[in-house]
């Protein structure tokens, strides 16, 4: 598949890429020079995902709505952590991962299986795809063994 030709250069989820501008330490930049607009970031990421995943208009609406809410909430939580003095890299990554997980959970409700798989691979979450596939195979083999016993 053409989407996975450049696996040597994994593309991190757009949300995380957008967050690269957010410093890990509160003193790294002044707050005024680091302000980001979550609505603009959500729009840009939605445009990227429409192209990448071939989203229909309804899916694009849900992606945009999800990203607007999650990015706004994440940026606020990051800012609260910074203003509280919680500026360690682990704290910031934990907050980002929390909102990435929420985004993935939301997307899984309206993306089809192939779109979700592509999204997870491009988001650097290929292990989630592999774990899900492994769980499905295990469940199928258990079901087959149970049928053979009966």
C-alpha atoms as a PDB file:
ATOM      1  CA  UNK A   1       0.000   0.000   0.000  1.00  0.00           C
ATOM      2  CA  UNK A   2       1.320   3.387  -0.892  1.00  0.00           C
ATOM      3  CA  UNK A   3       0.485   4.850   2.520  1.00  0.00           C
ATOM      4  CA  UNK A   4       3.019   2.629   4.258  1.00  0.00           C
ATOM      5  CA  UNK A   5       5.952   2.960   1.859  1.00  0.00           C
ATOM      6  CA  UNK A   6       7.814   5.392   4.112  1.00  0.00           C
ATOM      7  CA  UNK A   7       7.676   3.375   7.308  1.00  0.00           C
ATOM      8  CA  UNK A   8      11.260   4.359   8.082  1.00  0.00           C
ATOM      9  CA  UNK A   9       9.875   7.824   8.817  1.00  0.00           C
ATOM     10  CA  UNK A  10       6.826   7.176  11.044  1.00  0.00           C
ATOM     11  CA  UNK A  11       4.460  10.086  11.121  1.00  0.00           C
ATOM     12  CA  UNK A  12       3.277  10.935  14.593  1.00  0.00           C
ATOM     13  CA  UNK A  13      -0.348  11.864  15.024  1.00  0.00           C
ATOM     14  CA  UNK A  14      -1.003  15.393  13.868  1.00  0.00           C
ATOM     15  CA  UNK A  15      -1.988  16.370  17.362  1.00  0.00           C
ATOM     16  CA  UNK A  16       1.407  15.368  18.696  1.00  0.00           C
ATOM     17  CA  UNK A  17       3.177  17.013  15.773  1.00  0.00           C
ATOM     18  CA  UNK A  18       1.307  20.207  16.453  1.00  0.00           C
ATOM     19  CA  UNK A  19       2.356  19.995  20.075  1.00  0.00           C
ATOM     20  CA  UNK A  20       6.037  20.065  19.229  1.00  0.00           C
ATOM     21  CA  UNK A  21       5.756  23.813  19.517  1.00  0.00           C
ATOM     22  CA  UNK A  22       4.726  23.505  23.155  1.00  0.00           C
ATOM     23  CA  UNK A  23       7.843  23.563  25.329  1.00  0.00           C
ATOM     24  CA  UNK A  24       8.417  20.894  27.938  1.00  0.00           C
ATOM     25  CA  UNK A  25       9.587  23.485  30.423  1.00  0.00           C
ATOM     26  CA  UNK A  26       7.525  26.504  31.417  1.00  0.00           C
ATOM     27  CA  UNK A  27      10.463  28.873  31.141  1.00  0.00           C
ATOM     28  CA  UNK A  28      11.445  27.828  27.638  1.00  0.00           C
ATOM     29  CA  UNK A  29       9.271  30.484  25.985  1.00  0.00           C
ATOM     30  CA  UNK A  30       7.067  33.272  27.153  1.00  0.00           C
ATOM     31  CA  UNK A  31       3.362  32.332  27.145  1.00  0.00           C
ATOM     32  CA  UNK A  32       2.482  35.009  24.571  1.00  0.00           C
ATOM     33  CA  UNK A  33       4.899  33.585  21.988  1.00  0.00           C
ATOM     34  CA  UNK A  34       3.602  30.045  22.502  1.00  0.00           C
ATOM     35  CA  UNK A  35      -0.142  30.603  22.220  1.00  0.00           C
ATOM     36  CA  UNK A  36      -1.753  28.248  19.739  1.00  0.00           C
ATOM     37  CA  UNK A  37      -5.255  28.310  18.409  1.00  0.00           C
ATOM     38  CA  UNK A  38      -6.792  24.857  18.925  1.00  0.00           C
ATOM     39  CA  UNK A  39      -9.561  25.607  16.425  1.00  0.00           C
ATOM     40  CA  UNK A  40      -7.048  26.401  13.665  1.00  0.00           C
ATOM     41  CA  UNK A  41      -4.967  23.366  14.604  1.00  0.00           C
ATOM     42  CA  UNK A  42      -8.093  21.158  14.521  1.00  0.00           C
ATOM     43  CA  UNK A  43      -9.001  22.521  11.098  1.00  0.00           C
ATOM     44  CA  UNK A  44      -5.513  21.870   9.709  1.00  0.00           C
ATOM     45  CA  UNK A  45      -5.460  18.340  11.124  1.00  0.00           C
ATOM     46  CA  UNK A  46      -8.969  17.662   9.787  1.00  0.00           C
ATOM     47  CA  UNK A  47      -7.872  18.748   6.310  1.00  0.00           C
ATOM     48  CA  UNK A  48      -4.883  16.389   6.517  1.00  0.00           C
ATOM     49  CA  UNK A  49      -7.040  13.482   7.689  1.00  0.00           C
ATOM     50  CA  UNK A  50      -9.717  14.088   5.027  1.00  0.00           C
ATOM     51  CA  UNK A  51      -7.040  13.548   2.404  1.00  0.00           C
ATOM     52  CA  UNK A  52      -5.201  10.726   4.174  1.00  0.00           C
ATOM     53  CA  UNK A  53      -8.275   8.686   5.113  1.00  0.00           C
ATOM     54  CA  UNK A  54     -10.620   9.705   2.274  1.00  0.00           C
ATOM     55  CA  UNK A  55     -13.254  10.855   4.761  1.00  0.00           C
ATOM     56  CA  UNK A  56     -16.824  11.532   3.723  1.00  0.00           C
ATOM     57  CA  UNK A  57     -18.383  14.871   4.814  1.00  0.00           C
ATOM     58  CA  UNK A  58     -20.046  13.401   7.912  1.00  0.00           C
ATOM     59  CA  UNK A  59     -16.784  11.791   9.051  1.00  0.00           C
ATOM     60  CA  UNK A  60     -14.929  15.064   8.422  1.00  0.00           C
ATOM     61  CA  UNK A  61     -17.471  16.864  10.622  1.00  0.00           C
ATOM     62  CA  UNK A  62     -16.991  14.352  13.448  1.00  0.00           C
ATOM     63  CA  UNK A  63     -13.194  14.490  13.123  1.00  0.00           C
ATOM     64  CA  UNK A  64     -13.237  18.293  13.255  1.00  0.00           C
ATOM     65  CA  UNK A  65     -15.625  18.362  16.231  1.00  0.00           C
ATOM     66  CA  UNK A  66     -13.575  15.789  18.121  1.00  0.00           C
ATOM     67  CA  UNK A  67     -10.308  17.584  17.450  1.00  0.00           C
ATOM     68  CA  UNK A  68     -11.697  20.997  18.371  1.00  0.00           C
ATOM     69  CA  UNK A  69     -12.883  19.723  21.735  1.00  0.00           C
ATOM     70  CA  UNK A  70      -9.856  17.554  22.489  1.00  0.00           C
ATOM     71  CA  UNK A  71      -7.244  20.080  21.399  1.00  0.00           C
ATOM     72  CA  UNK A  72      -8.932  22.898  23.326  1.00  0.00           C
ATOM     73  CA  UNK A  73      -9.106  20.718  26.436  1.00  0.00           C
ATOM     74  CA  UNK A  74      -5.562  19.433  26.038  1.00  0.00           C
ATOM     75  CA  UNK A  75      -4.076  22.913  25.529  1.00  0.00           C
ATOM     76  CA  UNK A  76      -5.925  24.129  28.640  1.00  0.00           C
ATOM     77  CA  UNK A  77      -4.702  21.153  30.672  1.00  0.00           C
ATOM     78  CA  UNK A  78      -1.129  21.686  29.488  1.00  0.00           C
ATOM     79  CA  UNK A  79      -1.324  25.361  30.400  1.00  0.00           C
ATOM     80  CA  UNK A  80      -2.739  24.519  33.839  1.00  0.00           C
ATOM     81  CA  UNK A  81       0.078  22.040  34.413  1.00  0.00           C
ATOM     82  CA  UNK A  82       2.655  24.636  33.369  1.00  0.00           C
ATOM     83  CA  UNK A  83       1.173  27.331  35.599  1.00  0.00           C
ATOM     84  CA  UNK A  84       1.096  24.863  38.524  1.00  0.00           C
ATOM     85  CA  UNK A  85       4.789  24.162  38.071  1.00  0.00           C
ATOM     86  CA  UNK A  86       4.296  20.653  36.670  1.00  0.00           C
ATOM     87  CA  UNK A  87       6.661  21.017  33.755  1.00  0.00           C
ATOM     88  CA  UNK A  88       8.400  17.671  33.549  1.00  0.00           C
ATOM     89  CA  UNK A  89       8.516  15.960  30.186  1.00  0.00           C
ATOM     90  CA  UNK A  90       6.669  12.951  31.639  1.00  0.00           C
ATOM     91  CA  UNK A  91       3.811  15.138  32.849  1.00  0.00           C
ATOM     92  CA  UNK A  92       3.437  16.839  29.478  1.00  0.00           C
ATOM     93  CA  UNK A  93       3.615  13.532  27.585  1.00  0.00           C
ATOM     94  CA  UNK A  94       1.080  11.995  29.954  1.00  0.00           C
ATOM     95  CA  UNK A  95      -1.380  14.795  29.243  1.00  0.00           C
ATOM     96  CA  UNK A  96      -0.800  14.516  25.491  1.00  0.00           C
ATOM     97  CA  UNK A  97      -1.248  10.735  25.573  1.00  0.00           C
ATOM     98  CA  UNK A  98      -4.455  11.063  27.595  1.00  0.00           C
ATOM     99  CA  UNK A  99      -5.988  13.277  24.905  1.00  0.00           C
ATOM    100  CA  UNK A 100      -4.581  11.159  22.075  1.00  0.00           C
ATOM    101  CA  UNK A 101      -6.281   8.124  23.638  1.00  0.00           C
ATOM    102  CA  UNK A 102      -9.532  10.089  23.890  1.00  0.00           C
ATOM    103  CA  UNK A 103      -9.223  11.070  20.228  1.00  0.00           C
ATOM    104  CA  UNK A 104      -8.597   7.470  19.189  1.00  0.00           C
ATOM    105  CA  UNK A 105     -11.592   6.273  21.206  1.00  0.00           C
ATOM    106  CA  UNK A 106     -13.806   8.866  19.560  1.00  0.00           C
ATOM    107  CA  UNK A 107     -12.519   8.185  16.043  1.00  0.00           C
ATOM    108  CA  UNK A 108     -13.108   4.450  16.462  1.00  0.00           C
ATOM    109  CA  UNK A 109     -16.856   5.180  16.667  1.00  0.00           C
ATOM    110  CA  UNK A 110     -17.153   6.583  13.135  1.00  0.00           C
ATOM    111  CA  UNK A 111     -14.105   5.504  11.111  1.00  0.00           C
ATOM    112  CA  UNK A 112     -14.279   2.181   9.327  1.00  0.00           C
ATOM    113  CA  UNK A 113     -11.760  -0.545  10.132  1.00  0.00           C
ATOM    114  CA  UNK A 114      -9.335   0.307   7.311  1.00  0.00           C
ATOM    115  CA  UNK A 115      -9.441   4.035   8.088  1.00  0.00           C
ATOM    116  CA  UNK A 116      -8.831   3.358  11.753  1.00  0.00           C
ATOM    117  CA  UNK A 117      -5.934   1.038  10.991  1.00  0.00           C
ATOM    118  CA  UNK A 118      -4.339   3.645   8.718  1.00  0.00           C
ATOM    119  CA  UNK A 119      -4.890   6.364  11.310  1.00  0.00           C
ATOM    120  CA  UNK A 120      -3.318   4.307  14.092  1.00  0.00           C
ATOM    121  CA  UNK A 121      -0.300   3.416  11.960  1.00  0.00           C
ATOM    122  CA  UNK A 122       0.209   7.032  10.980  1.00  0.00           C
ATOM    123  CA  UNK A 123      -0.277   8.094  14.610  1.00  0.00           C
ATOM    124  CA  UNK A 124       2.569   5.861  15.715  1.00  0.00           C
ATOM    125  CA  UNK A 125       0.196   3.435  17.396  1.00  0.00           C
ATOM    126  CA  UNK A 126       0.827   0.381  15.216  1.00  0.00           C
ATOM    127  CA  UNK A 127       1.184  -1.741  18.341  1.00  0.00           C
ATOM    128  CA  UNK A 128      -2.492  -1.044  19.092  1.00  0.00           C
ATOM    129  CA  UNK A 129      -3.463  -2.391  15.676  1.00  0.00           C
ATOM    130  CA  UNK A 130      -1.337  -5.482  16.148  1.00  0.00           C
ATOM    131  CA  UNK A 131      -2.712  -6.090  19.642  1.00  0.00           C
ATOM    132  CA  UNK A 132      -6.274  -5.796  18.359  1.00  0.00           C
ATOM    133  CA  UNK A 133      -5.578  -8.223  15.504  1.00  0.00           C
ATOM    134  CA  UNK A 134      -3.977 -10.659  17.939  1.00  0.00           C
ATOM    135  CA  UNK A 135      -6.980 -10.447  20.283  1.00  0.00           C
ATOM    136  CA  UNK A 136      -9.394 -11.105  17.397  1.00  0.00           C
ATOM    137  CA  UNK A 137      -7.399 -14.147  16.269  1.00  0.00           C
ATOM    138  CA  UNK A 138      -7.259 -15.481  19.820  1.00  0.00           C
ATOM    139  CA  UNK A 139     -10.998 -15.023  20.249  1.00  0.00           C
ATOM    140  CA  UNK A 140     -11.691 -16.774  16.931  1.00  0.00           C
ATOM    141  CA  UNK A 141      -9.449 -19.717  17.830  1.00  0.00           C
ATOM    142  CA  UNK A 142     -11.179 -20.103  21.206  1.00  0.00           C
ATOM    143  CA  UNK A 143     -14.556 -20.022  19.512  1.00  0.00           C
ATOM    144  CA  UNK A 144     -13.427 -22.623  16.977  1.00  0.00           C
ATOM    145  CA  UNK A 145     -12.077 -24.931  19.692  1.00  0.00           C
ATOM    146  CA  UNK A 146     -15.301 -24.598  21.633  1.00  0.00           C
ATOM    147  CA  UNK A 147     -17.318 -25.536  18.539  1.00  0.00           C
ATOM    148  CA  UNK A 148     -15.064 -28.548  17.914  1.00  0.00           C
ATOM    149  CA  UNK A 149     -15.671 -29.802  21.434  1.00  0.00           C
ATOM    150  CA  UNK A 150     -19.449 -29.690  20.979  1.00  0.00           C
END
